Amino acid sequence: MFRCFNLLQLLLFYLIHHTETTSVETTPVTVKGEKGDNATLPCQFEARDIFKIDLWRTKKIFSCQNISCESGRFKKENCDVVIKNVSFSDAGKYTLRVHYNNDQTVLKERTTTYQLHIHDMISLKKGEEQKLDVLLSNTYKVLHQPIESTEWKEVWNRANDSKANDFLANETGTYNVLDFKGNILITVTVTGTGSSETLNKDDKHNGTNQLPVWAWIVMGLVGLAGLAGLVFLVVWLLIKHKVIKRPQRLNRNNGHGAYHNDQLYPLQQIRGP
């Protein structure tokens, strides 16, 4: 009886000190990354006493039992996981499982989920279309917002075009790529110059920036010719004013003198010598 009791105590001790317990974070942590740069999935957990980490998507893609290790495009720094040179295909959900020991040497597991959001920026020329590799396996729809609008328009939906492999961008603005739960996977900002549909906002308000060089030269010559004509007109008016007004003043003065002579002459005749 006593032996059975001891065996039971040992069994309970083993279950308490060696059974792995799990702590799960249900709210995804949003992580943003620029296409071609590195993105970091923050562990937000003290690195001490970490036994192992596992990174999952639909399957395990990275595992590490050391303080720092690297495999392919994945790198563990303390507890964080760095994804190098991210592309559109990296967008989506990740699950990080951290196996660690607490102060009582009990092995535990902490699970954190992430939503990786990739951003990119491109420029389109006049009449150009550019393929965007945004139709991933978990892409549900694509929304577009023009530059000078606050409204979003659905431009692609998997339910209506499930066999499509390519998506072509031909308008400026912002494209948001959403998954089946409405999470943003990818954001692409498109700018452009050259036509009414692809001019960005600044070009629309400053259309003269697109004039060719010869047009600027013609405008300059026209301006100089106009200025020369204005100067000539002013000089001509000044000369005309001086040439015409001066004889008129002289004639007026001569007429005034003759008037006095005519008035004095009869008086002299009346008074006599």
Protein backbone atom coordinates (compact mmCIF):
# COMPACT_ATOMS: atom_id res chain seq x y z
CA MET A 1 0.00 0.00 0.00
CA PHE A 2 2.81 2.38 0.92
CA ARG A 3 4.66 1.55 -2.31
CA CYS A 4 1.59 2.31 -4.38
CA PHE A 5 1.27 5.67 -2.66
CA ASN A 6 4.90 6.50 -3.44
CA LEU A 7 4.46 5.51 -7.05
CA LEU A 8 1.42 7.74 -7.29
CA GLN A 9 3.38 10.68 -5.86
CA LEU A 10 6.19 10.11 -8.36
CA LEU A 11 3.71 9.99 -11.20
CA LEU A 12 2.07 13.25 -10.13
CA PHE A 13 5.50 14.90 -9.75
CA TYR A 14 6.46 13.83 -13.27
CA LEU A 15 3.20 15.10 -14.73
CA ILE A 16 3.57 18.46 -12.97
CA HIS A 17 7.22 19.06 -13.84
CA HIS A 18 7.46 17.54 -17.29
CA THR A 19 4.08 18.04 -18.95
CA GLU A 20 4.10 20.78 -21.61
CA THR A 21 1.47 23.46 -21.11
CA THR A 22 0.31 25.83 -23.83
CA SER A 23 -0.38 29.57 -23.85
CA VAL A 24 -2.05 30.83 -27.03
CA GLU A 25 -2.46 34.44 -28.19
CA THR A 26 -5.55 34.58 -30.39
CA THR A 27 -5.27 38.19 -31.65
CA PRO A 28 -2.85 38.36 -34.62
CA VAL A 29 0.05 40.79 -34.42
CA THR A 30 0.16 42.96 -37.58
CA VAL A 31 3.63 43.21 -39.10
CA LYS A 32 4.34 45.50 -42.08
CA GLY A 33 7.22 45.07 -44.49
CA GLU A 34 8.41 46.68 -47.72
CA LYS A 35 8.91 44.40 -50.70
CA GLY A 36 12.61 43.53 -51.00
CA ASP A 37 13.40 44.49 -47.39
CA ASN A 38 13.50 42.39 -44.22
CA ALA A 39 10.47 41.87 -42.00
CA THR A 40 10.70 40.97 -38.31
CA LEU A 41 8.18 38.85 -36.43
CA PRO A 42 8.65 40.13 -32.86
CA CYS A 43 8.63 37.44 -30.20
CA GLN A 44 7.85 39.94 -27.40
CA PHE A 45 9.16 37.39 -24.94
CA GLU A 46 12.27 37.23 -22.81
CA ALA A 47 14.90 35.12 -24.51
CA ARG A 48 16.09 33.42 -21.32
CA ASP A 49 15.26 29.76 -20.81
CA ILE A 50 13.94 29.32 -24.37
CA PHE A 51 14.30 25.72 -25.39
CA LYS A 52 13.15 25.89 -29.03
CA ILE A 53 11.10 27.94 -31.48
CA ASP A 54 9.03 26.71 -34.43
CA LEU A 55 7.61 28.91 -37.19
CA TRP A 56 4.55 27.63 -39.04
CA ARG A 57 2.37 28.57 -41.97
CA THR A 58 0.42 25.65 -43.39
CA LYS A 59 3.41 23.58 -42.26
CA LYS A 60 6.57 24.09 -40.24
CA ILE A 61 8.97 26.31 -42.22
CA PHE A 62 11.64 27.13 -39.62
CA SER A 63 12.90 25.65 -36.36
CA CYS A 64 15.76 26.62 -34.05
CA GLN A 65 17.06 25.38 -30.70
CA ASN A 66 20.03 27.76 -30.43
CA ILE A 67 20.25 31.36 -29.27
CA SER A 68 20.88 32.48 -32.84
CA CYS A 69 20.59 30.45 -36.04
CA GLU A 70 19.77 30.92 -39.70
CA SER A 71 18.19 28.81 -42.42
CA GLY A 72 17.46 30.08 -45.93
CA ARG A 73 15.69 33.43 -45.68
CA PHE A 74 14.81 32.91 -42.02
CA LYS A 75 16.97 34.04 -39.13
CA LYS A 76 16.45 33.84 -35.36
CA GLU A 77 17.70 36.81 -33.35
CA ASN A 78 17.18 36.12 -29.65
CA CYS A 79 13.51 35.24 -29.85
CA ASP A 80 12.53 37.28 -32.92
CA VAL A 81 12.35 35.75 -36.39
CA VAL A 82 13.62 37.80 -39.34
CA ILE A 83 12.37 37.07 -42.87
CA LYS A 84 14.88 38.40 -45.39
CA ASN A 85 14.03 39.92 -48.79
CA VAL A 86 10.26 39.57 -48.44
CA SER A 87 8.06 39.24 -51.52
CA PHE A 88 4.31 39.25 -52.12
CA SER A 89 4.16 35.48 -51.59
CA ASP A 90 5.34 35.99 -47.99
CA ALA A 91 2.21 37.94 -47.08
CA GLY A 92 -0.29 36.28 -44.79
CA LYS A 93 -0.56 34.42 -41.50
CA TYR A 94 2.35 33.02 -39.45
CA THR A 95 2.35 31.09 -36.20
CA LEU A 96 5.35 31.16 -33.86
CA ARG A 97 5.59 28.54 -31.12
CA VAL A 98 8.10 29.21 -28.36
CA HIS A 99 8.99 26.33 -26.05
CA TYR A 100 10.49 27.56 -22.78
CA ASN A 101 11.06 26.73 -19.13
CA ASN A 102 9.71 28.88 -16.34
CA ASP A 103 11.27 29.32 -12.93
CA GLN A 104 9.90 25.95 -11.81
CA THR A 105 11.50 24.16 -14.77
CA VAL A 106 8.09 23.39 -16.23
CA LEU A 107 8.19 23.16 -20.02
CA LYS A 108 5.64 25.47 -21.59
CA GLU A 109 4.63 26.57 -25.04
CA ARG A 110 3.62 30.07 -26.05
CA THR A 111 1.95 30.54 -29.44
CA THR A 112 1.76 33.87 -31.23
CA THR A 113 0.10 34.52 -34.59
CA TYR A 114 1.14 37.25 -37.03
CA GLN A 115 -0.40 38.87 -40.10
CA LEU A 116 2.38 39.96 -42.46
CA HIS A 117 1.34 42.91 -44.66
CA ILE A 118 3.63 43.64 -47.65
CA HIS A 119 3.77 47.09 -49.29
CA ASP A 120 5.22 48.09 -52.66
CA MET A 121 5.27 51.17 -54.92
CA ILE A 122 5.45 51.21 -58.73
CA SER A 123 5.21 53.80 -61.52
CA LEU A 124 3.35 53.44 -64.83
CA LYS A 125 4.02 55.21 -68.10
CA LYS A 126 1.37 56.44 -70.52
CA GLY A 127 -0.81 53.58 -71.74
CA GLU A 128 1.21 51.02 -69.81
CA GLU A 129 -0.06 48.00 -67.88
CA GLN A 130 1.98 46.15 -65.30
CA LYS A 131 1.51 42.67 -63.96
CA LEU A 132 1.25 42.36 -60.19
CA ASP A 133 1.91 38.95 -58.64
CA VAL A 134 -0.78 39.45 -56.00
CA LEU A 135 -3.16 36.60 -56.83
CA LEU A 136 -1.93 34.25 -54.09
CA SER A 137 -3.61 31.05 -53.00
CA ASN A 138 -5.20 32.96 -50.10
CA THR A 139 -6.17 36.06 -52.13
CA TYR A 140 -9.93 36.62 -52.15
CA LYS A 141 -10.34 40.05 -53.76
CA VAL A 142 -8.52 43.17 -54.92
CA LEU A 143 -9.74 46.71 -54.19
CA HIS A 144 -8.68 49.93 -55.93
CA GLN A 145 -8.81 53.52 -54.69
CA PRO A 146 -7.99 56.33 -57.18
CA ILE A 147 -5.63 59.07 -56.04
CA GLU A 148 -8.27 61.79 -55.67
CA SER A 149 -11.00 59.58 -54.22
CA THR A 150 -11.90 58.21 -50.80
CA GLU A 151 -13.95 55.31 -52.15
CA TRP A 152 -12.76 51.76 -52.81
CA LYS A 153 -13.86 49.79 -55.85
CA GLU A 154 -13.62 46.02 -56.21
CA VAL A 155 -11.61 45.24 -59.35
CA TRP A 156 -11.10 41.49 -58.90
CA ASN A 157 -12.86 38.73 -57.00
CA ARG A 158 -11.96 35.05 -56.85
CA ALA A 159 -15.61 34.04 -56.95
CA ASN A 160 -15.97 35.71 -60.36
CA ASP A 161 -12.56 34.86 -61.80
CA SER A 162 -11.18 31.85 -59.98
CA LYS A 163 -8.93 30.71 -62.86
CA ALA A 164 -7.02 33.99 -63.24
CA ASN A 165 -3.29 33.86 -62.61
CA ASP A 166 -2.35 37.44 -63.50
CA PHE A 167 -3.57 40.81 -62.31
CA LEU A 168 -2.80 43.89 -64.42
CA ALA A 169 -2.60 47.38 -62.93
CA ASN A 170 -3.41 50.15 -65.41
CA GLU A 171 -4.58 53.03 -63.20
CA THR A 172 -2.89 55.16 -60.59
CA GLY A 173 -3.95 54.95 -56.97
CA THR A 174 -3.79 52.28 -54.26
CA TYR A 175 -4.51 48.56 -54.63
CA ASN A 176 -5.35 46.51 -51.53
CA VAL A 177 -5.23 42.71 -51.72
CA LEU A 178 -7.43 40.97 -49.14
CA ASP A 179 -7.64 37.39 -47.91
CA PHE A 180 -10.81 35.40 -47.22
CA LYS A 181 -11.14 36.93 -43.72
CA GLY A 182 -10.77 40.51 -44.95
CA ASN A 183 -7.19 40.91 -43.74
CA ILE A 184 -4.93 43.05 -45.93
CA LEU A 185 -2.19 40.93 -47.49
CA ILE A 186 -0.61 43.40 -49.92
CA THR A 187 -0.81 47.13 -50.64
CA VAL A 188 0.55 48.50 -53.93
CA THR A 189 0.74 52.25 -54.56
CA VAL A 190 0.77 53.13 -58.27
CA THR A 191 1.92 56.50 -59.61
CA GLY A 192 2.36 57.58 -63.22
CA THR A 193 2.68 60.36 -65.78
CA GLY A 194 1.65 60.96 -69.39
CA SER A 195 -2.17 60.75 -69.70
CA SER A 196 -5.36 61.83 -68.01
CA GLU A 197 -5.80 58.39 -66.47
CA THR A 198 -2.27 57.93 -65.23
CA LEU A 199 -1.31 61.45 -64.16
CA ASN A 200 -0.73 61.65 -60.46
CA LYS A 201 -2.23 64.42 -58.39
CA ASP A 202 0.73 66.79 -58.64
CA ASP A 203 0.91 66.48 -62.42
CA LYS A 204 -2.78 67.27 -62.76
CA HIS A 205 -2.33 70.54 -60.92
CA ASN A 206 0.93 71.34 -62.70
CA GLY A 207 0.26 70.30 -66.29
CA THR A 208 2.78 72.83 -67.66
CA ASN A 209 5.56 70.65 -66.31
CA GLN A 210 4.87 68.28 -69.18
CA LEU A 211 5.41 70.86 -72.00
CA PRO A 212 8.22 70.04 -74.46
CA VAL A 213 11.31 72.23 -74.74
CA TRP A 214 10.31 73.75 -78.09
CA ALA A 215 7.05 74.97 -76.57
CA TRP A 216 8.94 76.81 -73.83
CA ILE A 217 11.19 78.42 -76.51
CA VAL A 218 8.18 79.61 -78.56
CA MET A 219 6.53 81.00 -75.45
CA GLY A 220 9.73 82.88 -74.59
CA LEU A 221 10.03 84.40 -78.08
CA VAL A 222 6.40 85.46 -78.07
CA GLY A 223 6.90 87.11 -74.71
CA LEU A 224 9.98 89.02 -75.91
CA ALA A 225 8.18 90.16 -79.06
CA GLY A 226 5.27 91.42 -77.01
CA LEU A 227 7.60 93.31 -74.68
CA ALA A 228 9.44 94.92 -77.64
CA GLY A 229 6.11 95.98 -79.18
CA LEU A 230 5.02 97.56 -75.91
CA VAL A 231 8.28 99.54 -75.63
CA PHE A 232 7.94 100.75 -79.24
CA LEU A 233 4.37 101.89 -78.62
CA VAL A 234 5.35 103.88 -75.52
CA VAL A 235 8.24 105.60 -77.36
CA TRP A 236 6.01 106.43 -80.33
CA LEU A 237 3.36 107.97 -78.09
CA LEU A 238 5.97 110.12 -76.31
CA ILE A 239 7.40 111.38 -79.61
CA LYS A 240 3.95 112.07 -81.01
CA HIS A 241 3.02 113.99 -77.89
CA LYS A 242 6.08 116.28 -78.09
CA VAL A 243 5.93 116.87 -81.88
CA ILE A 244 2.21 117.69 -82.05
CA LYS A 245 1.68 119.58 -78.79
CA ARG A 246 4.60 121.99 -79.22
CA PRO A 247 3.38 123.62 -82.53
CA GLN A 248 -0.07 123.96 -81.01
CA ARG A 249 1.31 125.95 -78.07
CA LEU A 250 3.28 128.18 -80.44
CA ASN A 251 0.20 128.93 -82.56
CA ARG A 252 -1.80 129.68 -79.48
CA ASN A 253 0.81 132.16 -78.27
CA ASN A 254 1.00 133.90 -81.69
CA GLY A 255 -2.73 134.31 -81.86
CA HIS A 256 -2.80 135.87 -78.40
CA GLY A 257 -0.16 138.48 -79.36
CA ALA A 258 -2.06 139.53 -82.49
CA TYR A 259 -5.19 140.01 -80.44
CA HIS A 260 -3.50 142.58 -78.21
CA ASN A 261 -2.05 144.42 -81.19
CA ASP A 262 -5.47 144.60 -82.75
CA GLN A 263 -6.93 145.96 -79.56
CA LEU A 264 -4.20 148.55 -79.10
CA TYR A 265 -4.24 149.83 -82.64
CA PRO A 266 -7.59 151.65 -82.47
CA LEU A 267 -6.57 153.37 -79.23
CA GLN A 268 -3.47 154.73 -80.85
CA GLN A 269 -5.58 156.06 -83.68
CA ILE A 270 -7.97 157.80 -81.29
CA ARG A 271 -5.23 159.49 -79.24
CA GLY A 272 -3.40 160.70 -82.28
CA PRO A 273 0.19 161.77 -82.51
